[in-house]
Protein backbone atom coordinates (compact mmCIF):
# COMPACT_ATOMS: atom_id res chain seq x y z
CA MET A 1 25.93 -30.99 3.88
CA HIS A 2 23.78 -28.58 1.84
CA MET A 3 24.64 -27.82 -1.77
CA PHE A 4 25.12 -24.42 -3.41
CA LEU A 5 23.16 -24.04 -6.65
CA ASP A 6 25.04 -21.93 -9.18
CA ALA A 7 23.44 -20.46 -12.29
CA CYS A 8 26.17 -21.95 -14.48
CA GLY A 9 25.42 -25.43 -13.27
CA PHE A 10 25.28 -27.49 -10.12
CA SER A 11 28.54 -27.74 -8.25
CA PRO A 12 29.30 -29.33 -4.89
CA LEU A 13 30.13 -26.40 -2.64
CA PRO A 14 30.33 -27.27 1.06
CA ILE A 15 28.97 -24.28 2.96
CA THR A 16 28.09 -23.55 6.55
CA ARG A 17 24.57 -22.32 7.21
CA THR A 18 21.52 -22.81 9.33
CA PRO A 19 18.72 -24.94 7.86
CA SER A 20 16.72 -21.85 6.83
CA THR A 21 19.41 -19.73 5.17
CA SER A 22 20.63 -21.61 2.12
CA TYR A 23 21.03 -19.22 -0.79
CA VAL A 24 22.13 -19.48 -4.39
CA SER A 25 23.80 -16.89 -6.57
CA GLY A 26 24.57 -17.12 -10.25
CA ALA A 27 26.83 -14.11 -10.62
CA ARG A 28 30.14 -16.05 -10.72
CA LYS A 29 31.73 -19.16 -12.13
CA PRO A 30 31.23 -22.39 -10.25
CA TYR A 31 33.80 -23.17 -7.64
CA PHE A 32 34.72 -26.78 -7.03
CA ALA A 33 35.79 -27.55 -3.51
CA PRO A 34 36.81 -31.01 -2.34
CA PRO A 35 34.16 -32.47 -0.06
CA PRO A 36 35.17 -33.42 3.48
CA PRO A 37 36.26 -37.01 3.88
CA ALA A 38 33.40 -39.40 4.47
CA THR A 39 33.51 -41.88 7.28
CA GLN A 40 31.77 -45.17 7.73
CA HIS A 41 29.27 -43.41 9.99
CA THR A 42 28.60 -40.43 7.68
CA THR A 43 26.55 -40.25 4.49
CA LEU A 44 26.70 -36.95 2.61
CA ILE A 45 23.34 -36.11 1.02
CA PRO A 46 23.35 -32.86 -0.99
CA THR A 47 20.30 -30.69 -0.33
CA ILE A 48 19.38 -27.56 -2.28
CA THR A 49 16.41 -25.53 -1.08
CA ASN A 50 16.95 -22.06 -2.63
CA ALA A 51 18.00 -21.13 -6.17
CA ARG A 52 18.41 -17.83 -8.00
CA TYR A 53 19.21 -17.22 -11.67
CA PRO A 54 20.04 -13.60 -12.56
CA CYS A 55 19.89 -13.62 -16.36
CA HIS A 56 21.82 -10.43 -17.17
CA SER A 57 22.23 -11.10 -20.89
CA PRO A 58 19.79 -12.14 -23.66
CA ASP A 59 22.42 -14.69 -24.66
CA ASP A 60 21.35 -16.84 -21.72
CA LEU A 61 17.99 -17.31 -23.43
CA VAL A 62 19.42 -17.78 -26.92
CA ASN A 63 22.14 -20.31 -26.08
CA GLY A 64 19.95 -22.33 -23.73
CA ARG A 65 21.98 -21.59 -20.62
CA MET A 66 18.90 -20.77 -18.56
CA THR A 67 17.08 -23.82 -19.92
CA THR A 68 19.98 -25.99 -18.80
CA PHE A 69 19.76 -24.46 -15.36
CA LEU A 70 16.06 -25.32 -15.19
CA ASP A 71 16.74 -28.86 -16.46
CA ASN A 72 19.13 -29.42 -13.57
CA ALA A 73 16.60 -28.05 -11.09
CA VAL A 74 13.94 -30.49 -12.28
CA ASN A 75 16.14 -33.56 -12.77
CA ALA A 76 18.37 -33.35 -9.71
CA HIS A 77 16.56 -31.32 -7.06
CA SER A 78 12.84 -31.54 -7.70
CA HIS A 79 12.12 -32.92 -4.22
CA THR A 80 14.19 -30.40 -2.24
CA LEU A 81 13.97 -27.06 -4.08
CA GLU A 82 11.62 -24.78 -2.13
CA GLU A 83 12.39 -21.26 -3.42
CA LEU A 84 13.24 -20.17 -6.96
CA GLU A 85 13.93 -16.70 -8.35
CA LEU A 86 14.39 -15.97 -12.06
CA VAL A 87 15.56 -12.56 -13.29
CA LEU A 88 15.00 -12.19 -17.04
CA PRO A 89 16.75 -9.53 -19.16
CA HIS A 90 15.14 -6.44 -20.65
CA THR A 91 15.12 -7.68 -24.23
CA ASN A 92 12.80 -8.37 -27.14
CA ILE A 93 13.72 -12.05 -27.16
CA ASP A 94 10.72 -14.24 -26.46
CA PRO A 95 11.15 -15.90 -23.04
CA SER A 96 8.58 -18.60 -23.81
CA PRO A 97 11.10 -21.47 -23.40
CA VAL A 98 11.27 -20.61 -19.71
CA TYR A 99 7.51 -20.75 -19.25
CA THR A 100 6.95 -23.88 -21.31
CA HIS A 101 9.68 -25.73 -19.44
CA ALA A 102 8.78 -28.82 -17.45
CA LEU A 103 9.59 -26.81 -14.32
CA CYS A 104 6.30 -24.95 -14.82
CA THR A 105 4.14 -28.09 -14.84
CA ASN A 106 4.20 -29.03 -11.19
CA ARG A 107 7.39 -31.06 -11.58
CA ILE A 108 8.86 -29.62 -8.37
CA PRO A 109 6.43 -30.61 -5.62
CA ALA A 110 8.54 -28.99 -2.87
CA LEU A 111 8.53 -25.55 -4.55
CA CYS A 112 6.57 -23.10 -2.41
CA SER A 113 7.96 -19.71 -3.51
CA LEU A 114 8.50 -18.43 -7.07
CA ARG A 115 9.68 -14.93 -8.02
CA ILE A 116 9.99 -13.87 -11.66
CA TRP A 117 11.37 -10.49 -12.72
CA GLY A 118 11.32 -9.39 -16.35
CA PHE A 119 9.32 -10.51 -19.35
CA PHE A 120 6.12 -12.45 -19.24
CA PRO A 121 5.70 -15.00 -22.05
CA ALA A 122 3.94 -14.54 -25.35
CA SER A 123 0.24 -15.31 -25.58
CA ALA A 124 -0.88 -18.90 -25.07
CA THR A 125 2.63 -20.23 -24.39
CA MET A 126 2.61 -20.44 -20.62
CA SER A 127 1.92 -23.79 -19.03
CA LEU A 128 2.14 -22.68 -15.41
CA SER A 129 0.89 -25.28 -12.97
CA PHE A 130 2.13 -25.10 -9.39
CA ARG A 131 -0.41 -26.86 -7.22
CA HIS A 132 1.82 -26.59 -4.15
CA LEU A 133 2.97 -23.00 -4.67
CA ARG A 134 2.25 -20.65 -1.74
CA HIS A 135 4.09 -17.45 -2.77
CA LEU A 136 4.09 -16.02 -6.32
CA SER A 137 5.74 -12.70 -7.22
CA LEU A 138 5.66 -11.30 -10.78
CA ARG A 139 7.53 -8.01 -11.23
CA ASN A 140 8.61 -5.47 -13.83
CA PHE A 141 7.05 -6.82 -16.99
CA TYR A 142 8.15 -4.46 -19.71
CA ARG A 143 5.93 -2.90 -22.35
CA SER A 144 7.93 -3.66 -25.51
CA LEU A 145 6.17 -6.98 -26.13
CA GLU A 146 2.75 -5.65 -25.15
CA ASP A 147 1.00 -6.85 -28.30
CA THR A 148 2.09 -10.45 -27.82
CA LEU A 149 1.70 -10.89 -24.08
CA MET A 150 -0.93 -12.88 -22.29
CA SER A 151 -4.55 -11.83 -22.17
CA LEU A 152 -6.40 -11.44 -18.89
CA GLU A 153 -8.07 -14.84 -19.38
CA GLU A 154 -4.69 -16.53 -19.82
CA PHE A 155 -3.22 -14.75 -16.83
CA VAL A 156 -6.12 -15.71 -14.58
CA GLY A 157 -6.06 -19.25 -15.95
CA ALA A 158 -2.39 -19.53 -15.02
CA ILE A 159 -2.82 -18.45 -11.40
CA SER A 160 -5.98 -20.56 -11.02
CA THR A 161 -3.79 -23.68 -10.92
CA CYS A 162 -2.11 -22.41 -7.75
CA VAL A 163 -4.83 -23.64 -5.41
CA GLU A 164 -2.56 -23.41 -2.33
CA LEU A 165 -1.53 -19.81 -3.05
CA GLU A 166 -1.20 -17.63 0.07
CA GLU A 167 0.59 -14.55 -1.31
CA LEU A 168 0.30 -13.02 -4.79
CA GLU A 169 2.28 -9.96 -5.91
CA VAL A 170 1.89 -8.32 -9.32
CA GLN A 171 4.12 -5.29 -9.91
CA ARG A 172 4.26 -3.21 -13.10
CA TYR A 173 2.35 -5.73 -15.18
CA HIS A 174 0.65 -3.80 -17.98
CA PRO A 175 -0.45 -6.05 -20.83
CA ALA A 176 -3.31 -8.10 -19.34
CA LEU A 177 -5.73 -5.19 -19.11
CA THR A 178 -8.66 -6.26 -21.24
CA VAL A 179 -10.91 -9.24 -21.72
CA SER A 180 -11.01 -10.61 -25.26
CA GLU A 181 -13.97 -9.60 -27.41
CA GLU A 182 -15.19 -13.18 -27.50
CA THR A 183 -15.53 -13.26 -23.70
CA LEU A 184 -18.80 -11.82 -22.42
CA GLN A 185 -17.72 -11.80 -18.79
CA SER A 186 -14.50 -11.93 -16.83
CA PRO A 187 -13.10 -15.34 -15.89
CA ILE A 188 -13.49 -16.21 -12.21
CA VAL A 189 -10.81 -17.76 -10.03
CA THR A 190 -11.24 -18.66 -6.36
CA LEU A 191 -8.18 -18.52 -4.12
CA PRO A 192 -9.46 -19.84 -0.79
CA LYS A 193 -6.09 -19.72 1.00
CA LEU A 194 -4.91 -16.31 -0.20
CA ARG A 195 -3.73 -14.14 2.72
CA LYS A 196 -2.02 -11.25 0.93
CA LEU A 197 -2.58 -9.64 -2.47
CA THR A 198 -0.31 -6.85 -3.77
CA VAL A 199 -0.87 -5.01 -7.05
CA ALA A 200 1.69 -2.24 -7.61
CA ASP A 201 2.09 0.65 -10.05
CA VAL A 202 -0.72 -0.38 -12.41
CA PRO A 203 -3.93 1.26 -11.09
CA GLU A 204 -5.73 0.59 -14.36
CA PHE A 205 -5.26 -3.14 -13.71
CA PHE A 206 -7.02 -3.07 -10.32
CA PRO A 207 -10.64 -3.42 -11.44
CA ARG A 208 -9.90 -5.96 -14.14
CA LEU A 209 -8.00 -8.27 -11.83
CA PHE A 210 -10.41 -7.89 -8.90
CA SER A 211 -13.40 -8.69 -11.07
CA CYS A 212 -11.83 -12.12 -11.61
CA LEU A 213 -10.89 -12.96 -8.02
CA ARG A 214 -12.90 -14.42 -5.19
CA VAL A 215 -11.12 -14.09 -1.85
CA LEU A 216 -12.01 -14.09 1.84
CA PRO A 217 -12.52 -10.85 3.80
CA THR A 218 -9.48 -11.77 5.91
CA VAL A 219 -7.13 -11.08 2.97
CA ASP A 220 -4.64 -8.20 3.26
CA VAL A 221 -4.97 -6.22 0.02
CA HIS A 222 -2.29 -3.67 -0.92
CA LEU A 223 -2.69 -1.42 -3.97
CA VAL A 224 0.05 0.96 -5.09
CA ALA A 225 -0.28 3.66 -7.76
CA LEU A 226 2.56 5.81 -9.04
CA PHE A 227 1.51 9.44 -9.38
CA HIS A 228 4.34 11.38 -11.06
CA ASP A 229 5.57 9.15 -13.87
CA PRO A 230 5.14 9.49 -17.67
CA GLU A 231 4.61 5.73 -17.94
CA TYR A 232 1.32 5.99 -16.08
CA PRO A 233 -1.82 8.14 -16.24
CA ARG A 234 -1.10 11.80 -15.58
CA ASP A 235 -3.34 11.76 -12.57
CA GLY A 236 -3.39 8.72 -10.31
CA LEU A 237 -6.70 9.91 -8.90
CA GLU A 238 -8.32 9.78 -12.33
CA ALA A 239 -7.13 6.21 -12.74
CA PHE A 240 -8.61 5.30 -9.38
CA GLU A 241 -11.89 7.09 -10.16
CA THR A 242 -12.56 4.50 -12.86
CA PHE A 243 -12.45 1.81 -10.20
CA ASP A 244 -16.00 1.59 -8.85
CA LEU A 245 -15.30 -0.17 -5.57
CA GLU A 246 -18.97 -0.60 -4.76
CA ARG A 247 -19.27 -2.93 -7.74
CA HIS A 248 -16.50 -5.12 -6.37
CA LYS A 249 -17.82 -5.85 -2.90
CA GLU A 250 -18.43 -9.45 -3.95
CA CYS A 251 -14.81 -9.74 -5.07
CA LEU A 252 -13.38 -7.83 -2.09
CA PRO A 253 -15.71 -8.28 0.90
CA ILE A 254 -13.13 -6.50 3.06
CA LEU A 255 -14.38 -3.18 1.63
CA ASP A 256 -17.77 -3.54 3.27
CA GLU A 257 -16.43 -4.77 6.62
CA VAL A 258 -13.76 -2.21 7.54
CA THR A 259 -14.09 -1.00 11.14
CA GLU A 260 -11.21 1.50 11.29
CA VAL A 261 -9.50 3.62 8.67
CA THR A 262 -6.45 5.88 8.52
CA VAL A 263 -5.87 8.52 5.84
CA ALA A 264 -2.32 9.91 5.83
CA THR A 265 -0.23 12.19 3.63
CA MET A 266 2.84 12.46 5.84
CA ASN A 267 5.56 9.83 5.90
CA THR A 268 6.19 9.11 9.54
CA ASN A 269 8.21 6.04 8.49
CA GLN A 270 9.86 7.66 5.43
CA GLU A 271 7.92 5.51 2.99
CA ASP A 272 7.49 6.62 -0.61
CA TYR A 273 3.81 7.51 -0.68
CA GLY A 274 1.99 10.81 -1.05
CA LEU A 275 -1.33 9.43 0.16
CA ARG A 276 -2.15 6.31 2.14
CA ILE A 277 -5.66 5.00 2.79
CA ALA A 278 -5.59 2.10 5.22
CA GLY A 279 -8.70 0.19 6.23
CA SER A 280 -8.76 -2.67 8.71
CA ARG A 281 -11.22 -5.15 10.17
CA GLY A 282 -9.39 -4.87 13.49
CA GLU A 283 -9.06 -8.07 15.46
CA GLU A 284 -11.17 -9.88 12.86
CA GLY A 285 -8.22 -9.81 10.46
CA GLY A 286 -8.05 -8.48 6.93
CA SER A 287 -7.02 -5.06 5.60
CA PHE A 288 -7.18 -2.84 2.53
CA LEU A 289 -4.21 -0.53 1.89
CA TYR A 290 -4.10 1.95 -0.99
CA ASP A 291 -0.94 4.00 -1.63
CA ILE A 292 -0.38 6.76 -4.15
CA ARG A 293 3.35 7.17 -4.53
CA THR A 294 5.37 10.27 -5.34
CA THR A 295 8.74 10.26 -7.06
CA GLY A 296 10.28 12.75 -4.65
CA SER A 297 11.49 14.90 -7.57
CA ILE A 298 9.02 17.77 -7.17
CA GLU A 299 9.67 20.94 -5.17
CA LEU A 300 8.69 21.18 -1.51
CA MET A 301 5.79 23.61 -1.90
CA GLU A 302 4.44 21.78 -4.94
CA ASP A 303 4.62 18.53 -3.00
CA VAL A 304 2.85 20.06 0.02
CA MET A 305 -0.03 21.34 -2.13
CA HIS A 306 -0.18 18.01 -3.95
CA ARG A 307 -0.61 16.20 -0.64
CA CYS A 308 -3.33 18.66 0.40
CA ARG A 309 -5.30 17.84 -2.75
CA LEU A 310 -4.83 14.12 -2.19
CA LEU A 311 -6.14 14.42 1.35
CA GLU A 312 -9.23 16.33 0.27
CA TRP A 313 -9.86 13.77 -2.46
CA ALA A 314 -9.59 10.91 0.04
CA ILE A 315 -11.96 12.45 2.61
CA GLN A 316 -14.60 13.14 -0.05
CA ARG A 317 -14.51 9.61 -1.46
CA LEU A 318 -13.91 7.54 1.64
CA SER A 319 -17.53 6.42 1.92
CA LYS A 320 -17.35 5.09 -1.66
CA ILE A 321 -14.22 3.09 -0.92
CA PHE A 322 -15.54 1.72 2.37
CA PRO A 323 -19.36 1.72 2.11
CA GLY A 324 -20.02 -0.24 5.32
CA LYS A 325 -22.02 2.34 7.30
CA GLY A 326 -22.78 -0.06 10.11
CA CYS A 327 -19.17 -1.18 10.60
CA MET A 328 -16.94 1.90 10.74
CA ARG A 329 -15.93 2.75 14.32
CA ARG A 330 -12.66 4.70 14.12
CA PHE A 331 -11.29 7.36 11.76
CA LYS A 332 -7.77 8.78 11.90
CA GLY A 333 -6.35 11.46 9.63
CA ILE A 334 -2.71 12.54 9.42
CA GLY A 335 -1.66 15.47 7.25
CA ASP A 336 -2.44 19.02 6.18
CA PHE A 337 -6.20 19.59 6.25
CA ARG A 338 -6.35 23.16 4.96
CA ASP A 339 -8.23 22.12 1.79
CA VAL A 340 -10.77 19.89 3.55
CA LYS A 341 -13.83 22.07 4.05
CA GLU A 342 -16.79 21.71 6.37
CA PRO A 343 -19.13 20.00 3.83
CA SER A 344 -16.58 17.22 3.28
CA TRP A 345 -16.34 16.51 7.01
CA VAL A 346 -20.13 16.62 7.39
CA ALA A 347 -20.47 14.09 4.55
CA LEU A 348 -17.98 11.84 6.34
CA PHE A 349 -20.03 11.96 9.56
CA GLN A 350 -23.21 11.24 7.63
CA ALA A 351 -21.62 8.23 5.96
CA TYR A 352 -20.53 6.65 9.26
CA PRO A 353 -23.26 7.30 11.87
CA LEU A 354 -21.85 4.71 14.30
CA LEU A 355 -18.41 6.31 14.48
CA GLU A 356 -16.92 6.08 17.99
CA HIS A 357 -13.46 7.65 17.72
CA LEU A 358 -12.30 10.58 15.58
CA GLU A 359 -8.60 11.48 15.58
CA VAL A 360 -6.99 14.14 13.41
CA GLU A 361 -3.25 14.76 13.62
CA GLY A 362 -1.97 17.82 11.80
CA TRP A 363 1.60 18.90 11.34
CA GLY A 364 1.45 22.55 12.24
CA VAL A 365 0.87 23.76 8.67
CA ASN A 366 -2.85 23.35 8.41
CA ASP A 367 -6.16 24.97 9.23
CA ALA A 368 -8.63 22.51 10.73
CA SER A 369 -11.45 25.05 11.06
CA GLY A 370 -13.55 23.07 8.58
CA LEU A 371 -13.47 20.09 10.92
CA ILE A 372 -14.10 22.26 13.98
CA PHE A 373 -17.20 23.78 12.39
CA ALA A 374 -18.42 20.35 11.30
CA LEU A 375 -18.34 19.07 14.88
CA ARG A 376 -21.43 21.09 15.82
CA TRP A 377 -23.55 18.73 13.73
CA LEU A 378 -22.67 15.76 15.90
CA ASP A 379 -25.23 16.59 18.60
CA ASN A 380 -28.44 17.10 16.62
CA ALA A 381 -27.78 20.78 15.96
CA ARG A 382 -30.21 22.30 13.48
CA GLU A 383 -29.76 24.98 10.88
CA PRO A 384 -31.82 25.68 7.73
CA GLY A 385 -30.43 23.86 4.72
CA ILE A 386 -28.17 21.58 6.74
CA VAL A 387 -28.98 17.91 7.19
CA ASP A 388 -28.78 16.69 10.76
CA VAL A 389 -25.75 14.59 11.51
CA VAL A 390 -26.08 12.17 14.38
CA CYS A 391 -23.09 10.19 15.67
CA SER A 392 -24.73 8.90 18.81
CA LYS A 393 -21.90 6.44 19.54
CA LEU A 394 -19.09 9.00 19.37
CA LYS A 395 -16.86 8.71 22.45
CA SER A 396 -13.80 10.80 21.66
CA ILE A 397 -12.55 13.54 19.34
CA SER A 398 -8.84 14.33 19.27
CA ILE A 399 -7.37 17.14 17.15
CA SER A 400 -3.65 17.70 17.56
CA GLY A 401 -0.78 19.48 15.86
CA VAL A 402 -2.92 22.09 14.10
CA LEU A 403 -1.65 25.64 13.79
CA TYR A 404 -3.08 28.06 16.34
CA THR A 405 -4.71 30.96 14.48
CA PRO A 406 -7.54 33.46 15.15
CA GLU A 407 -9.59 31.68 12.50
CA LEU A 408 -9.20 28.35 14.25
CA MET A 409 -10.15 29.79 17.63
CA SER A 410 -13.14 31.58 16.13
CA ALA A 411 -14.30 28.27 14.72
CA ALA A 412 -13.77 26.53 18.05
CA ARG A 413 -15.64 29.19 20.04
CA ASP A 414 -18.53 29.27 17.58
CA THR A 415 -18.85 25.51 17.51
CA LEU A 416 -18.71 24.99 21.25
CA MET A 417 -21.18 27.80 21.95
CA ARG A 418 -23.68 26.55 19.35
CA ARG A 419 -23.65 22.87 20.17
CA ALA A 420 -27.25 22.14 21.13
CA LYS A 421 -26.57 19.65 23.91
CA PRO A 422 -22.90 19.13 24.66
CA SER A 423 -22.46 15.50 25.51
CA THR A 424 -20.93 14.77 28.89
CA GLN A 425 -19.73 11.43 27.51
CA LEU A 426 -17.80 12.96 24.61
CA ALA A 427 -14.08 13.52 25.29
CA LEU A 428 -12.77 16.50 23.32
CA GLN A 429 -9.05 17.14 22.89
CA LEU A 430 -7.52 20.11 21.03
CA HIS A 431 -3.73 20.50 21.03
CA MET A 432 -2.35 23.34 18.91
CA LEU A 433 1.01 24.75 17.80
CA ALA A 434 2.11 28.39 17.77
CA CYS A 435 5.33 29.98 16.52
CA ASP A 436 7.14 31.93 19.24
CA ASP A 437 7.82 34.87 16.93
CA ALA A 438 4.25 35.25 15.69
CA ALA A 439 3.37 38.68 17.08
CA ALA A 440 -0.26 38.28 16.03
CA TYR A 441 -0.81 35.67 18.75
CA PRO A 442 0.41 37.18 22.06
CA SER A 443 0.69 34.93 25.08
CA ASP A 444 -2.18 36.68 26.92
CA ALA A 445 -4.57 35.88 24.08
CA ARG A 446 -3.39 32.28 24.02
CA ASP A 447 -3.99 31.96 27.76
CA ASP A 448 -7.51 33.37 27.43
CA ASP A 449 -8.32 30.92 24.63
CA ILE A 450 -7.05 27.95 26.60
CA GLU A 451 -9.07 28.99 29.64
CA PHE A 452 -12.22 29.27 27.52
CA LEU A 453 -11.72 25.85 25.95
CA ARG A 454 -11.12 24.16 29.27
CA LYS A 455 -14.27 25.70 30.71
CA GLN A 456 -16.11 24.05 27.83
CA GLY A 457 -14.74 20.67 28.86
CA VAL A 458 -12.02 20.53 26.21
CA ASP A 459 -8.59 19.09 26.99
CA ALA A 460 -6.77 22.03 25.36
CA ALA A 461 -3.10 22.95 25.08
CA ILE A 462 -0.85 25.14 22.93
CA ARG A 463 2.78 24.18 22.29
CA VAL A 464 5.08 27.01 21.25
CA GLU A 465 8.05 26.38 18.96
CA SER A 466 10.42 28.53 16.91
CA LEU A 467 9.72 29.17 13.25
CA LEU A 468 12.91 27.37 12.20
CA ASP A 469 12.08 24.31 14.32
CA HIS A 470 8.58 24.36 12.89
CA LEU A 471 9.78 24.46 9.24
CA THR A 472 12.44 21.82 9.88
CA ARG A 473 9.95 19.41 11.41
CA VAL A 474 7.46 19.89 8.59
CA ALA A 475 10.21 19.34 6.00
CA LEU A 476 11.26 16.09 7.65
CA GLN A 477 7.68 14.88 7.71
CA CYS A 478 7.40 15.66 3.98
CA GLY A 479 10.59 13.72 3.25
CA VAL A 480 12.64 16.85 2.39
CA PRO A 481 16.34 17.04 3.44
CA VAL A 482 16.78 19.35 6.44
CA GLU A 483 19.66 21.22 4.79
CA SER A 484 17.25 22.48 2.10
CA VAL A 485 15.16 24.35 4.69
CA GLU A 486 15.94 28.05 4.96
CA CYS A 487 14.52 30.62 7.34
CA ASP A 488 14.81 34.38 6.84
CA ASN A 489 15.47 35.77 10.30
CA GLU A 490 14.58 39.29 9.17
CA SER A 491 11.07 38.37 8.08
């Protein structure tokens, strides 16, 4: 029989569960149920593996109720408790008694997962030491005690005791942003078994934490920055600009070994980001994921233009984020590329000369002529004032979902006609969208353009859709409710 751990105390509650699903809630009074009758062949050994204490009131800290809960965990279940979650209240009461408790000094050898939501302790009061801990999650540490919270040295010193740590999550943790004046350099902690690192909603904390860590290139790193929020810098890009990634290659070797990258501004999975930069080492293992979130409260057109700016910013700075020129093999972009001009694409090709696959997926609202024009520099084309771009390993270029316009076709014709030596090994694909009520693009002209592209060896196609279908699909991809999309049939 497994025991149910209640926040008010430990009570024998016979429950039915599989070995991996024991769970503890502290939201109700303990219930005492008579245990089943024991037989001469049965010995009932209570086992508690999971415990959760939701501290909804500051009184739990003042009257010692939470401390009593922790006492019971250490004294009665130290050899069986594997997962522990503590939810501390939003209050000015110092939670130090929780962090100085014997529970935090490696007194529970079976504990492998610890999640703490709420306040972090005052400076120099935390005695965290979990040598067997594998998962540590610290979330939502409020600002009201900012002046008394731990310094960066104390924070790093605390996690340095977790030598078996495999996953570390830090979300909305603001105070530990600076090194003390007495410290000439950042403290260093090596986490040899770390597999996943998540730092969320505190972009200004990225460089300070990373300068302290030494991890393997196989680590999955996930950074999240909130863009539209008064609690954070007005511009998430400005916060990220202060993070010189090239200086942190020793701390994050993944940055210099990325082989494929995706830049996206459209939420195909309805996730809450406005921009996602995802780098991967492929089959080697290890990834670097950077998300800039949006709150979803801004208007559709403002959000669309915001995503366009984010995409341009990402393309221009990609080579600074992932400086490994000899490693990058695949680039994929998803979004509206109207603001990404030819020089930005050319700079991208220059940064990654061994690129093999280029894939750009638009959503019918963008002009990819800048990319089309940039393609002519892939085959040693020459023009005064333009640096040659050579991607000798390039095998395929796929551009899909872009809006069919005269400007786009002019760019495509010019590029294909001016390519010095079209490569027979380069697979070109151009799939475009056209609105069925766009009188400026008659079907005869579309047919002529497709015929021209195919004669140039391009796998070309144009898909026609109604204006309403087009706007509805774009709205869905931007995370906007369909009912908010209107189409004026008289326009």
